[in-house]
Amino acid sequence: MKRLPSFNDFSPAIIGDVRKPLTILDRLAPDFDAVVTDWDDEFFGSARNKRASTNIPATLTSIGLMERSPLGLTDAGRDVLSAPDEVEAARRMVRHIVENKNGMAIIDAVRSMNKRGDIIKKDTLKQELQSAGIEGLSNATTDHTTLLNWMVYAGLFNKVGRANPTPNDSVIKSVLGISMTERAEFAELTLTQQIFLQIMRRQAEVDGATAMPAKQIIDECLRDYPGRFREDQIRAQVVKPLADAGWLEIPPSTGSGRGGKSGQVVPSTKLLGVPIEAVIPDFDQVVPPELRAKIDLPREEVQRLLDSSKKHDRGLGLELLALKMIIDIGLEPRAFRLRSRETAYAEVDLTAEGKNLLFSRWNFQCKNTRVNVSLGDVAKEVGLAIYSKAHVVVVVTTSDFSLDARDYAREIAQATHLQFLLINGPVVKDYLKRGASVLLDHVSENAAEVMALKRAQPISPAA
């Protein structure tokens, strides 16, 4: 389970210099009562309540700066306490949280929300984190916003008034070893490119920034991941794109050779400049890299793509529409069965899964046409759903559905276990204009209609 540490009564506004509570703990431990009394006097005006006796120790323990038995500082706590000033102390604390307590989720969430133009508030940031897999955020929690405030205090983000915090990439790079830009670029590589870089970066730890035989890296890729690499395509699909993106260098003397395995490759300054633990391939990668690079496009830009006169733009817009809907419903994309480019950029077909209370599998069929979706289009989805053991069939169109298609969907919902969610052009436009609430309202209304249809189904064997 991915969780964030708790921050009860431990905001920068209350604590200020994070070395203060650590100094008190280090000076008075193991006398817990004395520690609590000094914390209470320093931060809460001698209120003598649980804020000092419960909340601060709970937070320091959750962060990983304090241990209870024996009472004292952890190694991480001592590192923060030894910082030369309060900003550096905050940076060391943030670095520890990022490396050990899922703190990078906050940085990724802020980057995505800023890119989409979403307003960052307690509830919207919580939703973004939950969609990224962070669990345990209660309705009233401020753990996520407090951690963000510590990142602002440490200089990783700039914050002016009510505006969204904006990243200071140079500070993020100096504190974490990898900038937001570099992290986003790595995430947008294909899985085979990520694997190649990990092997190369690991080898560079041994050999340093020296030229190494391309064959050495390629052979390890083929040996450890034989099903993911095509030997005759590695040079064109992996090595050259990584060189073009600045992750590695190809010396001028390198020849192509048979299968592209000859010659040398050199780890670039960019690759050597990020921590080795940052170069971890995402083996759960489902979304193609060209879509991952654009998943945070603002909704109005997706609408512009759907309306474009260019087929490629319309296809890209359709794929992004499907992915945004999946994310906003709270599902995880699992597989692209058919991409828009395979259908002249007119449709996209993919599967998503959810685990809200119970597991569910959803088949999405999205069409960008001026012609209404027909009964035949919907009927085809029934066969695919039965084959893939899906529970929900979602058909999205920028136009509308024929009366026969709607009637057929109702008949299938009444007669089988399947559920249909039909989303037409007006709903799509409203969703891209006003946001997730439009889609969620439509899904909720549809669920009520499906429940009414299924009330006629038998729920116990006939007597």
Protein backbone atom coordinates (compact mmCIF):
# COMPACT_ATOMS: atom_id res chain seq x y z
CA MET A 1 0.00 0.00 0.00
CA LYS A 2 1.39 3.41 -1.01
CA ARG A 3 0.82 6.00 1.71
CA LEU A 4 2.12 9.42 2.66
CA PRO A 5 3.44 10.14 6.16
CA SER A 6 1.19 11.96 8.60
CA PHE A 7 1.76 15.62 9.44
CA ASN A 8 -0.49 16.38 12.41
CA ASP A 9 0.41 19.81 13.84
CA PHE A 10 3.69 19.72 11.96
CA SER A 11 3.36 22.37 9.28
CA PRO A 12 6.06 24.95 8.45
CA ALA A 13 3.77 27.62 9.94
CA ILE A 14 3.81 25.84 13.32
CA ILE A 15 7.31 24.36 13.40
CA GLY A 16 9.39 26.69 11.22
CA ASP A 17 12.93 25.37 11.56
CA VAL A 18 12.52 21.57 11.62
CA ARG A 19 15.74 21.31 13.62
CA LYS A 20 13.97 22.78 16.68
CA PRO A 21 11.86 19.75 17.63
CA LEU A 22 14.78 17.48 16.77
CA THR A 23 17.14 19.48 19.00
CA ILE A 24 14.73 19.17 21.93
CA LEU A 25 14.37 15.43 21.36
CA ASP A 26 18.11 14.89 21.07
CA ARG A 27 18.82 16.94 24.20
CA LEU A 28 16.18 15.43 26.52
CA ALA A 29 15.73 11.84 25.31
CA PRO A 30 14.99 9.34 26.75
CA ASP A 31 12.85 11.47 29.12
CA PHE A 32 9.67 11.58 27.01
CA ASP A 33 7.73 13.78 29.46
CA ALA A 34 10.49 16.38 29.41
CA VAL A 35 10.60 16.29 25.62
CA VAL A 36 6.83 16.78 25.39
CA THR A 37 6.90 19.67 27.86
CA ASP A 38 9.55 21.51 25.86
CA TRP A 39 7.71 20.84 22.58
CA ASP A 40 4.53 22.20 24.14
CA ASP A 41 6.28 25.32 25.43
CA GLU A 42 8.06 25.93 22.11
CA PHE A 43 5.22 25.36 19.64
CA PHE A 44 1.84 25.46 21.41
CA GLY A 45 2.07 28.10 24.13
CA SER A 46 2.17 25.58 26.99
CA ALA A 47 -1.37 24.36 26.19
CA ARG A 48 -0.67 20.94 27.76
CA ASN A 49 -2.78 18.98 25.29
CA LYS A 50 -2.24 16.13 22.84
CA ARG A 51 -0.75 18.34 20.15
CA ALA A 52 2.68 18.01 21.78
CA SER A 53 2.25 14.64 23.48
CA THR A 54 0.64 12.77 20.57
CA ASN A 55 0.74 14.63 17.27
CA ILE A 56 4.40 15.67 17.09
CA PRO A 57 5.83 12.27 18.07
CA ALA A 58 3.38 10.55 15.72
CA THR A 59 4.51 12.78 12.87
CA LEU A 60 8.23 12.42 13.55
CA THR A 61 7.81 8.65 13.76
CA SER A 62 5.73 8.55 10.57
CA ILE A 63 8.31 10.63 8.69
CA GLY A 64 11.10 8.41 9.98
CA LEU A 65 13.08 10.99 11.98
CA MET A 66 12.35 9.58 15.45
CA GLU A 67 12.29 6.14 17.03
CA ARG A 68 10.25 5.26 20.10
CA SER A 69 12.31 2.51 21.68
CA PRO A 70 14.80 3.58 22.69
CA LEU A 71 13.53 7.15 22.38
CA GLY A 72 15.78 9.19 20.13
CA LEU A 73 16.64 10.32 16.63
CA THR A 74 17.00 7.95 13.70
CA ASP A 75 19.97 8.26 11.35
CA ALA A 76 17.75 10.34 9.06
CA GLY A 77 16.80 12.54 12.00
CA ARG A 78 20.43 13.14 12.86
CA ASP A 79 21.16 14.02 9.24
CA VAL A 80 18.39 16.65 9.26
CA LEU A 81 19.54 18.00 12.66
CA SER A 82 23.11 18.44 11.38
CA ALA A 83 22.02 20.71 8.50
CA PRO A 84 23.76 24.12 8.53
CA ASP A 85 20.53 26.11 8.23
CA GLU A 86 16.76 25.68 8.33
CA VAL A 87 16.27 25.58 4.55
CA GLU A 88 18.85 22.84 4.13
CA ALA A 89 17.24 20.98 7.06
CA ALA A 90 13.86 21.12 5.29
CA ARG A 91 15.50 19.94 2.07
CA ARG A 92 17.07 16.95 3.81
CA MET A 93 13.74 16.05 5.38
CA VAL A 94 11.97 16.33 2.02
CA ARG A 95 14.66 14.23 0.32
CA HIS A 96 14.23 11.51 2.97
CA ILE A 97 10.43 11.54 2.46
CA VAL A 98 10.78 11.35 -1.33
CA GLU A 99 13.24 8.47 -1.14
CA ASN A 100 11.47 6.48 1.57
CA LYS A 101 7.87 7.67 2.05
CA ASN A 102 6.37 8.10 -1.45
CA GLY A 103 7.00 11.84 -1.46
CA MET A 104 7.68 11.89 -5.20
CA ALA A 105 3.94 11.39 -5.69
CA ILE A 106 3.40 15.01 -4.56
CA ILE A 107 5.92 16.32 -7.09
CA ASP A 108 4.43 14.28 -9.93
CA ALA A 109 0.91 15.35 -8.99
CA VAL A 110 1.79 19.05 -8.96
CA ARG A 111 3.55 18.73 -12.32
CA SER A 112 0.55 17.02 -13.91
CA MET A 113 -2.00 19.43 -12.47
CA ASN A 114 0.00 22.48 -13.53
CA LYS A 115 0.35 21.07 -17.04
CA ARG A 116 -3.40 20.56 -17.31
CA GLY A 117 -4.15 23.94 -15.79
CA ASP A 118 -6.03 22.44 -12.83
CA ILE A 119 -6.30 24.46 -9.62
CA ILE A 120 -4.37 22.80 -6.78
CA LYS A 121 -6.45 22.64 -3.61
CA LYS A 122 -6.79 20.15 -0.79
CA ASP A 123 -9.50 18.13 -2.51
CA THR A 124 -8.14 18.29 -6.07
CA LEU A 125 -4.62 17.35 -4.97
CA LYS A 126 -6.05 14.46 -2.96
CA GLN A 127 -7.94 13.19 -6.02
CA GLU A 128 -4.80 13.42 -8.15
CA LEU A 129 -2.79 11.46 -5.58
CA GLN A 130 -5.48 8.80 -5.27
CA SER A 131 -5.53 8.35 -9.03
CA ALA A 132 -1.76 7.77 -8.81
CA GLY A 133 -2.25 4.98 -6.25
CA ILE A 134 -1.77 6.82 -2.94
CA GLU A 135 -4.09 5.30 -0.34
CA GLY A 136 -5.23 6.14 3.18
CA LEU A 137 -6.01 9.82 2.62
CA SER A 138 -9.04 10.52 4.80
CA ASN A 139 -11.62 13.18 3.93
CA ALA A 140 -10.30 15.65 6.50
CA THR A 141 -6.58 15.00 6.09
CA THR A 142 -4.10 17.74 5.31
CA ASP A 143 -1.10 15.41 5.19
CA HIS A 144 -0.66 15.95 1.44
CA THR A 145 -0.98 19.73 1.54
CA THR A 146 1.33 20.00 4.53
CA LEU A 147 4.00 17.97 2.75
CA LEU A 148 3.59 20.25 -0.26
CA ASN A 149 4.00 23.26 2.05
CA TRP A 150 7.27 21.79 3.35
CA MET A 151 8.43 21.42 -0.25
CA VAL A 152 7.59 25.08 -0.84
CA TYR A 153 9.45 25.98 2.38
CA ALA A 154 12.46 23.98 1.13
CA GLY A 155 12.42 25.87 -2.18
CA LEU A 156 11.43 22.99 -4.44
CA PHE A 157 8.35 24.99 -5.45
CA ASN A 158 7.67 28.71 -5.66
CA LYS A 159 4.32 29.90 -4.31
CA VAL A 160 2.82 33.36 -4.69
CA GLY A 161 -0.57 34.08 -3.13
CA ARG A 162 -3.33 31.71 -4.22
CA ALA A 163 -1.60 30.72 -7.43
CA ASN A 164 -0.52 27.12 -7.93
CA PRO A 165 2.98 26.30 -6.71
CA THR A 166 5.43 26.21 -9.61
CA PRO A 167 8.51 23.96 -9.64
CA ASN A 168 12.02 25.24 -9.20
CA ASP A 169 13.69 22.59 -11.34
CA SER A 170 17.24 23.54 -10.37
CA VAL A 171 16.47 23.15 -6.64
CA ILE A 172 14.60 19.89 -7.26
CA LYS A 173 17.64 18.63 -9.18
CA SER A 174 20.09 19.64 -6.45
CA VAL A 175 17.97 18.13 -3.66
CA LEU A 176 16.72 14.95 -5.32
CA GLY A 177 19.33 14.35 -8.00
CA ILE A 178 16.73 14.36 -10.78
CA SER A 179 14.67 17.27 -12.06
CA MET A 180 10.98 17.11 -12.87
CA THR A 181 11.88 17.53 -16.53
CA GLU A 182 14.28 14.57 -16.47
CA ARG A 183 11.80 12.42 -14.58
CA ALA A 184 9.06 13.18 -17.10
CA GLU A 185 11.40 12.47 -20.02
CA PHE A 186 12.38 9.07 -18.58
CA ALA A 187 8.73 8.16 -17.95
CA GLU A 188 7.94 8.90 -21.58
CA LEU A 189 10.52 6.43 -22.93
CA THR A 190 9.43 3.03 -24.15
CA LEU A 191 9.94 0.11 -21.79
CA THR A 192 12.78 -1.30 -23.92
CA GLN A 193 14.54 2.09 -23.85
CA GLN A 194 14.14 2.28 -20.06
CA ILE A 195 15.59 -1.22 -19.65
CA PHE A 196 18.56 -0.37 -21.89
CA LEU A 197 19.30 2.77 -19.85
CA GLN A 198 19.06 0.93 -16.54
CA ILE A 199 21.59 -1.69 -17.68
CA MET A 200 23.87 1.00 -19.10
CA ARG A 201 23.62 3.16 -15.96
CA ARG A 202 24.37 0.17 -13.74
CA GLN A 203 27.43 -0.67 -15.84
CA ALA A 204 28.56 2.95 -15.61
CA GLU A 205 28.63 2.61 -11.81
CA VAL A 206 31.41 0.06 -12.34
CA ASP A 207 33.25 1.46 -15.35
CA GLY A 208 32.49 5.17 -15.06
CA ALA A 209 31.74 7.54 -17.94
CA THR A 210 33.69 5.52 -20.46
CA ALA A 211 32.78 4.08 -23.83
CA MET A 212 31.44 0.55 -23.57
CA PRO A 213 30.68 -2.02 -26.27
CA ALA A 214 27.09 -1.71 -27.46
CA LYS A 215 27.09 -5.52 -27.78
CA GLN A 216 27.66 -5.86 -24.03
CA ILE A 217 24.48 -3.91 -23.21
CA ILE A 218 22.43 -5.44 -26.00
CA ASP A 219 23.40 -9.00 -25.10
CA GLU A 220 22.28 -8.41 -21.51
CA CYS A 221 18.96 -7.00 -22.74
CA LEU A 222 18.41 -10.04 -24.97
CA ARG A 223 19.45 -12.48 -22.26
CA ASP A 224 17.34 -11.04 -19.42
CA TYR A 225 14.35 -9.78 -21.45
CA PRO A 226 14.21 -11.99 -24.57
CA GLY A 227 10.51 -11.40 -25.17
CA ARG A 228 10.75 -7.61 -25.15
CA PHE A 229 13.52 -6.94 -27.67
CA ARG A 230 13.85 -7.58 -31.40
CA GLU A 231 17.57 -7.89 -32.05
CA ASP A 232 17.37 -6.46 -35.56
CA GLN A 233 15.52 -3.36 -34.32
CA ILE A 234 17.52 -2.43 -31.21
CA ARG A 235 19.78 0.05 -32.98
CA ALA A 236 16.88 1.86 -34.69
CA GLN A 237 14.24 1.66 -31.95
CA VAL A 238 16.37 1.90 -28.81
CA VAL A 239 19.95 3.12 -29.22
CA LYS A 240 19.44 5.89 -31.79
CA PRO A 241 16.33 7.43 -30.08
CA LEU A 242 18.20 7.45 -26.75
CA ALA A 243 21.12 9.22 -28.40
CA ASP A 244 18.78 11.75 -30.02
CA ALA A 245 17.22 12.44 -26.60
CA GLY A 246 20.64 12.97 -24.98
CA TRP A 247 20.65 9.90 -22.71
CA LEU A 248 23.71 8.37 -24.39
CA GLU A 249 26.31 9.22 -27.00
CA ILE A 250 27.45 7.26 -30.04
CA PRO A 251 31.08 7.95 -30.95
CA PRO A 252 31.53 8.94 -34.62
CA SER A 253 33.64 5.87 -35.29
CA THR A 254 30.84 3.48 -34.30
CA GLY A 255 29.65 1.35 -37.18
CA SER A 256 26.25 -0.17 -37.61
CA GLY A 257 27.45 -3.74 -38.01
CA ARG A 258 25.27 -6.76 -38.36
CA GLY A 259 22.17 -6.38 -36.21
CA GLY A 260 23.44 -3.04 -34.96
CA LYS A 261 25.41 -4.67 -32.11
CA SER A 262 28.87 -3.44 -33.07
CA GLY A 263 30.55 -0.24 -31.97
CA GLN A 264 30.55 1.73 -28.75
CA VAL A 265 28.07 3.68 -26.65
CA VAL A 266 28.89 6.26 -24.00
CA PRO A 267 26.67 7.17 -21.02
CA SER A 268 25.91 10.87 -21.30
CA THR A 269 26.29 13.49 -18.60
CA LYS A 270 22.50 13.56 -18.42
CA LEU A 271 22.30 9.82 -17.62
CA LEU A 272 25.18 9.92 -15.15
CA GLY A 273 23.66 12.97 -13.47
CA VAL A 274 20.57 11.15 -12.16
CA PRO A 275 20.60 8.68 -9.25
CA ILE A 276 20.73 5.06 -10.32
CA GLU A 277 17.51 4.37 -8.37
CA ALA A 278 15.75 6.90 -10.62
CA VAL A 279 16.38 4.72 -13.67
CA ILE A 280 13.83 2.01 -12.85
CA PRO A 281 11.87 0.56 -15.78
CA ASP A 282 8.09 0.71 -15.46
CA PHE A 283 7.12 -2.89 -16.18
CA ASP A 284 3.44 -2.04 -15.65
CA GLN A 285 3.69 0.34 -18.59
CA VAL A 286 0.49 0.13 -20.62
CA VAL A 287 0.03 3.59 -22.12
CA PRO A 288 2.24 4.08 -25.22
CA PRO A 289 5.03 6.64 -24.73
CA GLU A 290 3.67 9.13 -27.26
CA LEU A 291 0.43 9.23 -25.25
CA ARG A 292 2.15 9.40 -21.85
CA ALA A 293 3.90 12.52 -23.10
CA LYS A 294 0.52 14.16 -23.71
CA ILE A 295 -1.75 12.65 -21.06
CA ASP A 296 -1.77 15.91 -19.10
CA LEU A 297 -2.88 18.09 -22.03
CA PRO A 298 -5.68 20.45 -20.95
CA ARG A 299 -9.19 19.26 -21.83
CA GLU A 300 -9.75 22.12 -24.26
CA GLU A 301 -6.68 20.97 -26.19
CA VAL A 302 -8.17 17.48 -26.46
CA GLN A 303 -11.33 19.02 -27.88
CA ARG A 304 -9.25 20.96 -30.39
CA LEU A 305 -7.59 17.71 -31.51
CA LEU A 306 -10.97 15.99 -31.89
CA ASP A 307 -12.17 18.88 -34.07
CA SER A 308 -9.01 19.00 -36.19
CA SER A 309 -9.11 18.53 -39.96
CA LYS A 310 -6.10 16.20 -39.68
CA LYS A 311 -6.81 12.51 -39.19
CA HIS A 312 -3.75 12.01 -36.99
CA ASP A 313 -4.79 14.81 -34.64
CA ARG A 314 -8.31 13.40 -34.38
CA GLY A 315 -6.93 9.96 -33.58
CA LEU A 316 -4.62 11.34 -30.91
CA GLY A 317 -7.49 13.32 -29.41
CA LEU A 318 -9.65 10.20 -29.32
CA GLU A 319 -6.98 8.19 -27.50
CA LEU A 320 -6.43 10.98 -24.99
CA LEU A 321 -10.20 11.29 -24.48
CA ALA A 322 -10.42 7.58 -23.66
CA LEU A 323 -7.49 7.73 -21.24
CA LYS A 324 -8.78 10.84 -19.47
CA MET A 325 -12.21 9.25 -19.03
CA ILE A 326 -10.65 6.08 -17.61
CA ILE A 327 -8.59 8.07 -15.12
CA ASP A 328 -11.48 10.34 -14.10
CA ILE A 329 -13.77 7.34 -13.50
CA GLY A 330 -11.07 5.91 -11.23
CA LEU A 331 -9.96 3.01 -13.42
CA GLU A 332 -6.56 1.80 -14.61
CA PRO A 333 -5.83 1.30 -18.33
CA ARG A 334 -4.75 -2.30 -18.91
CA ALA A 335 -4.46 -2.88 -22.65
CA PHE A 336 -4.96 -1.21 -26.02
CA ARG A 337 -6.80 -3.77 -28.14
CA LEU A 338 -7.08 -1.46 -31.15
CA ARG A 339 -5.51 1.97 -31.57
CA SER A 340 -6.88 4.80 -33.66
CA ARG A 341 -4.02 4.67 -36.17
CA GLU A 342 -5.02 1.07 -36.98
CA THR A 343 -8.52 2.25 -37.94
CA ALA A 344 -7.63 5.33 -40.02
CA TYR A 345 -7.74 7.38 -36.78
CA ALA A 346 -11.50 6.91 -36.43
CA GLU A 347 -11.73 4.68 -33.35
CA VAL A 348 -9.83 3.31 -30.36
CA ASP A 349 -10.51 0.14 -28.40
CA LEU A 350 -9.02 -0.53 -24.96
CA THR A 351 -9.58 -2.29 -21.65
CA ALA A 352 -9.49 -0.80 -18.15
CA GLU A 353 -9.92 -2.28 -14.70
CA GLY A 354 -11.19 -0.99 -11.37
CA LYS A 355 -10.99 -2.15 -7.79
CA ASN A 356 -13.57 0.02 -6.04
CA LEU A 357 -14.97 -2.41 -3.45
CA LEU A 358 -14.92 -5.20 -6.07
CA PHE A 359 -12.85 -5.90 -9.16
CA SER A 360 -14.40 -4.89 -12.46
CA ARG A 361 -13.22 -4.98 -16.08
CA TRP A 362 -14.37 -2.34 -18.55
CA ASN A 363 -14.11 -2.46 -22.35
CA PHE A 364 -13.95 0.99 -23.98
CA GLN A 365 -14.83 1.56 -27.62
CA CYS A 366 -14.41 5.19 -28.75
CA LYS A 367 -15.42 6.57 -32.16
CA ASN A 368 -14.76 9.94 -33.72
CA THR A 369 -17.23 10.03 -36.62
CA ARG A 370 -20.13 12.11 -37.85
CA VAL A 371 -22.25 8.98 -38.33
CA ASN A 372 -24.36 7.69 -35.45
CA VAL A 373 -23.17 4.48 -33.78
CA SER A 374 -25.23 1.61 -35.14
CA LEU A 375 -26.71 -1.53 -33.62
CA GLY A 376 -23.97 -3.53 -35.35
CA ASP A 377 -21.25 -1.46 -33.67
CA VAL A 378 -22.76 -2.15 -30.24
CA ALA A 379 -23.39 -5.83 -31.00
CA LYS A 380 -19.72 -6.34 -31.86
CA GLU A 381 -18.79 -5.11 -28.37
CA VAL A 382 -20.98 -7.77 -26.74
CA GLY A 383 -18.95 -10.56 -28.31
CA LEU A 384 -15.65 -8.92 -27.29
CA ALA A 385 -16.92 -8.39 -23.73
CA ILE A 386 -17.91 -12.04 -23.36
CA TYR A 387 -14.55 -13.17 -24.74
CA SER A 388 -12.56 -10.85 -22.43
CA LYS A 389 -14.85 -11.53 -19.45
CA ALA A 390 -15.64 -7.84 -19.09
CA HIS A 391 -18.36 -6.52 -16.79
CA VAL A 392 -18.99 -3.12 -18.39
CA VAL A 393 -19.07 -2.05 -22.03
CA VAL A 394 -18.42 1.66 -22.58
CA VAL A 395 -19.10 3.11 -26.02
CA VAL A 396 -18.04 6.73 -26.53
CA THR A 397 -18.81 8.72 -29.66
CA THR A 398 -18.42 12.30 -30.79
CA SER A 399 -21.74 11.93 -32.64
CA ASP A 400 -24.71 9.97 -31.20
CA PHE A 401 -26.31 6.52 -31.04
CA SER A 402 -29.06 5.21 -33.26
CA LEU A 403 -32.34 4.29 -31.60
CA ASP A 404 -31.74 0.64 -32.49
CA ALA A 405 -28.31 0.74 -30.81
CA ARG A 406 -29.77 2.15 -27.58
CA ASP A 407 -32.60 -0.40 -27.59
CA TYR A 408 -30.17 -3.26 -28.18
CA ALA A 409 -27.94 -2.13 -25.29
CA ARG A 410 -30.97 -2.07 -22.98
CA GLU A 411 -32.04 -5.55 -24.10
CA ILE A 412 -28.58 -7.00 -23.48
CA ALA A 413 -28.38 -5.34 -20.06
CA GLN A 414 -31.77 -6.83 -19.14
CA ALA A 415 -30.90 -10.32 -20.38
CA THR A 416 -27.25 -10.78 -19.34
CA HIS A 417 -24.72 -9.84 -16.70
CA LEU A 418 -23.31 -7.06 -18.93
CA GLN A 419 -23.76 -3.35 -18.29
CA PHE A 420 -23.60 -0.65 -20.95
CA LEU A 421 -22.42 2.94 -20.56
CA LEU A 422 -23.21 4.99 -23.68
CA ILE A 423 -21.57 8.42 -23.90
CA ASN A 424 -22.59 10.61 -26.83
CA GLY A 425 -21.16 13.75 -28.39
CA PRO A 426 -22.95 16.34 -26.22
CA VAL A 427 -21.73 14.62 -23.05
CA VAL A 428 -18.20 14.44 -24.47
CA LYS A 429 -18.21 18.17 -25.27
CA ASP A 430 -19.61 19.07 -21.84
CA TYR A 431 -17.05 16.83 -20.12
CA LEU A 432 -14.14 18.42 -21.98
CA LYS A 433 -15.54 21.86 -21.22
CA ARG A 434 -16.46 21.49 -17.53
CA GLY A 435 -14.45 18.53 -16.25
CA ALA A 436 -14.75 15.20 -14.47
CA SER A 437 -17.96 16.03 -12.58
CA VAL A 438 -19.93 15.90 -15.85
CA LEU A 439 -18.66 12.41 -16.61
CA LEU A 440 -19.18 11.14 -13.07
CA ASP A 441 -22.75 12.47 -13.01
CA HIS A 442 -23.44 10.70 -16.30
CA VAL A 443 -21.94 7.44 -14.99
CA SER A 444 -24.04 7.70 -11.81
CA GLU A 445 -27.26 8.34 -13.75
CA ASN A 446 -26.46 5.43 -16.04
CA ALA A 447 -25.89 3.13 -13.03
CA ALA A 448 -29.37 3.97 -11.71
CA GLU A 449 -30.90 3.18 -15.11
CA VAL A 450 -29.01 -0.13 -15.32
CA MET A 451 -30.15 -1.08 -11.83
CA ALA A 452 -33.76 -0.43 -12.82
CA LEU A 453 -33.32 -2.61 -15.94
CA LYS A 454 -31.78 -5.45 -13.96
CA ARG A 455 -34.46 -5.45 -11.24
CA ALA A 456 -36.43 -7.81 -13.49
CA GLN A 457 -33.63 -10.38 -13.51
CA PRO A 458 -34.11 -13.39 -11.19
CA ILE A 459 -32.03 -13.27 -8.01
CA SER A 460 -32.99 -16.69 -6.68
CA PRO A 461 -33.85 -20.03 -8.33
CA ALA A 462 -37.49 -20.64 -9.16
CA ALA A 463 -39.38 -22.75 -6.62
